Protein backbone atom coordinates (compact mmCIF):
# COMPACT_ATOMS: atom_id res chain seq x y z
CA MET A 1 6.85 178.65 -144.70
CA GLY A 2 7.40 175.54 -146.30
CA THR A 3 5.84 176.62 -149.42
CA GLN A 4 8.32 179.89 -148.98
CA PHE A 5 11.41 177.51 -148.51
CA ARG A 6 10.95 175.45 -151.35
CA TRP A 7 10.56 178.27 -154.00
CA SER A 8 13.56 180.07 -152.61
CA PHE A 9 15.82 177.00 -153.62
CA MET A 10 14.03 176.98 -156.59
CA HIS A 11 14.82 180.46 -157.40
CA VAL A 12 18.30 179.77 -156.50
CA VAL A 13 18.88 176.51 -158.41
CA ALA A 14 17.10 178.32 -161.55
CA MET A 15 19.91 181.17 -160.96
CA ALA A 16 23.27 179.08 -161.10
CA LEU A 17 21.63 177.23 -163.98
CA ILE A 18 21.29 180.53 -165.54
CA VAL A 19 25.02 181.25 -164.90
CA LEU A 20 26.21 178.00 -165.77
CA ASN A 21 24.56 178.72 -169.69
CA LEU A 22 25.28 182.21 -170.03
CA SER A 23 28.87 181.51 -168.92
CA HIS A 24 31.19 181.16 -172.22
CA SER A 25 34.70 180.11 -170.35
CA SER A 26 36.60 178.13 -172.22
CA MET A 27 36.72 176.20 -169.13
CA VAL A 28 34.54 172.70 -168.84
CA VAL A 29 32.96 172.09 -165.58
CA SER A 30 33.13 168.74 -165.00
CA GLY A 31 32.64 167.65 -167.88
CA ALA A 32 28.83 169.25 -167.64
CA TYR A 33 29.18 170.05 -171.24
CA TYR A 34 29.97 166.33 -172.01
CA LYS A 35 32.64 167.81 -174.54
CA GLU A 36 33.72 165.69 -177.37
CA ILE A 37 37.46 164.56 -177.01
CA HIS A 38 39.31 163.10 -179.93
CA VAL A 39 42.51 161.41 -179.63
CA ILE A 40 44.59 161.27 -182.43
CA LEU A 41 47.67 159.00 -182.98
CA ILE A 42 50.62 159.81 -185.93
CA ASN A 43 53.06 156.96 -187.01
CA MET A 44 56.03 158.40 -187.01
CA LEU A 45 58.82 156.10 -186.46
CA GLU A 46 60.04 155.45 -189.85
CA PRO A 47 59.34 154.64 -193.43
CA GLY A 48 58.41 151.15 -193.66
CA LYS A 49 57.56 150.77 -189.88
CA ASN A 50 53.97 149.66 -188.77
CA LEU A 51 52.90 151.14 -185.41
CA HIS A 52 50.30 147.81 -183.91
CA VAL A 53 47.88 149.41 -181.35
CA HIS A 54 45.39 148.27 -179.00
CA CYS A 55 43.86 150.84 -176.86
CA LYS A 56 40.72 150.46 -174.84
CA SER A 57 39.25 151.76 -171.91
CA LYS A 58 36.63 150.53 -168.37
CA ASP A 59 33.98 150.54 -170.67
CA ASP A 60 35.25 150.33 -174.36
CA ASP A 61 37.66 148.12 -176.03
CA LEU A 62 39.08 149.93 -179.76
CA GLY A 63 40.46 146.79 -180.68
CA ASP A 64 43.64 145.91 -182.93
CA HIS A 65 44.82 148.30 -185.51
CA VAL A 66 48.01 149.04 -187.70
CA ILE A 67 49.11 152.35 -188.33
CA GLY A 68 51.43 152.98 -191.75
CA TYR A 69 54.42 155.68 -191.31
CA ASN A 70 53.03 159.13 -191.79
CA GLN A 71 49.23 157.63 -190.91
CA ASN A 72 47.05 158.31 -188.04
CA TYR A 73 44.57 156.76 -186.06
CA THR A 74 41.71 158.52 -184.48
CA TRP A 75 39.05 158.11 -182.45
CA SER A 76 36.24 160.26 -180.58
CA PHE A 77 34.15 160.13 -176.94
CA HIS A 78 33.14 162.35 -174.51
CA ASP A 79 34.81 163.13 -171.24
CA ASN A 80 32.55 161.11 -168.29
CA LEU A 81 30.71 163.75 -165.77
CA PHE A 82 33.38 163.41 -162.97
CA ASP A 83 36.77 163.75 -165.25
CA THR A 84 37.64 160.04 -164.93
CA THR A 85 37.71 159.19 -168.65
CA LEU A 86 41.22 156.47 -168.56
CA PHE A 87 41.87 155.34 -172.27
CA TRP A 88 45.57 153.67 -172.50
CA CYS A 89 46.92 151.52 -175.63
CA GLY A 90 49.08 148.86 -175.96
CA MET A 91 51.49 149.68 -178.89
CA ASP A 92 54.85 147.91 -180.39
CA TRP A 93 56.93 148.16 -183.53
CA THR A 94 59.67 146.04 -185.12
CA ARG A 95 62.71 148.01 -185.32
CA THR A 96 65.25 146.97 -188.57
CA GLY A 97 67.32 143.90 -187.16
CA GLY A 98 64.13 141.87 -185.66
CA SER A 99 63.54 143.68 -182.00
CA THR A 100 60.43 144.09 -180.77
CA VAL A 101 59.95 147.48 -179.23
CA SER A 102 56.37 147.72 -177.08
CA GLY A 103 54.81 149.39 -174.89
CA SER A 104 51.54 150.01 -172.47
CA PHE A 105 51.13 154.08 -171.80
CA GLU A 106 47.86 156.31 -170.73
CA ILE A 107 46.60 157.79 -173.45
CA TYR A 108 44.15 159.65 -172.27
CA HIS A 109 44.08 160.55 -168.65
CA ALA A 110 40.82 163.30 -168.41
CA LYS A 111 42.43 165.35 -164.94
CA ARG A 112 45.75 165.42 -166.58
CA ASP A 113 44.76 165.95 -169.94
CA LEU A 114 41.01 167.80 -170.19
CA TYR A 115 43.11 171.25 -170.30
CA ARG A 116 46.37 170.23 -171.47
CA CYS A 117 45.01 169.13 -174.76
CA SER A 118 41.17 170.53 -174.77
CA SER A 119 39.37 168.67 -177.26
CA TYR A 120 42.38 167.48 -179.09
CA CYS A 121 44.82 164.77 -177.45
CA THR A 122 47.48 164.36 -180.33
CA TRP A 123 50.23 162.15 -179.80
CA ALA A 124 53.68 161.59 -182.00
CA ILE A 125 54.80 158.60 -181.45
CA MET A 126 58.45 158.29 -182.40
CA LYS A 127 61.36 155.79 -181.89
CA ALA A 128 62.68 157.73 -178.89
CA GLY A 129 58.81 157.60 -177.56
CA LEU A 130 55.55 159.15 -177.44
CA TYR A 131 55.49 162.94 -177.83
CA SER A 132 52.01 165.25 -176.85
CA PHE A 133 51.03 168.52 -178.69
CA ASN A 134 50.07 170.43 -175.48
CA ARG A 135 47.55 173.03 -176.82
CA ALA A 136 47.93 175.46 -174.24
CA THR A 137 51.72 176.06 -175.08
CA GLY A 138 52.25 175.23 -178.69
CA GLU A 139 54.91 172.63 -178.19
CA TRP A 140 55.51 169.25 -178.36
CA GLU A 141 56.12 167.62 -174.82
CA TYR A 142 58.39 164.59 -174.58
CA PHE A 143 55.68 162.32 -172.80
CA PHE A 144 56.88 158.60 -172.31
CA GLY A 145 59.80 156.59 -173.40
CA TRP A 146 59.93 152.74 -174.51
CA PRO A 147 59.79 150.78 -171.76
CA SER A 148 61.44 147.15 -173.41
CA MET A 149 63.01 146.41 -176.81
CA ILE A 150 63.08 142.72 -176.86
CA SER A 151 65.03 140.75 -179.42
CA LYS A 152 63.23 138.15 -181.22
CA GLY A 153 64.34 134.84 -179.30
CA SER A 154 65.59 136.01 -176.72
CA ASP A 155 64.22 137.74 -173.12
CA MET A 156 66.98 140.31 -172.53
CA LYS A 157 65.94 143.66 -172.46
CA SER A 158 67.79 146.52 -173.24
């Protein structure tokens, strides 16, 4: 009797694996396919303005990068099994006149972005804030504003 139960259980597991393999849905099932994700940050501030970024996750520190105007910084990774991958980036740039604008942003959060971005999470970094391209709608969405603007030699925030 024990052998018959194991045999039935094995059939159920085999059928489930076959169904998952034959499924050609565009949706990812809890990271089962370990889809490669590409994050693209585009500096669209203004000519001559560099964007300084430092991105990291719990496991990876991507280091400091300087992105020139109309240039981009891109990295790729695979979402984890539980769709909990999270990358955040600290960013800053200097306005004409010397004030520094800075912020820290959740640039990729699997629960939020897995279906919204698909395989490419593209961000346009602008003076007004960060815009993300929503592949599902084909529209740029205003996502984050700059939380601080600090003048050189001053602790005032505006």
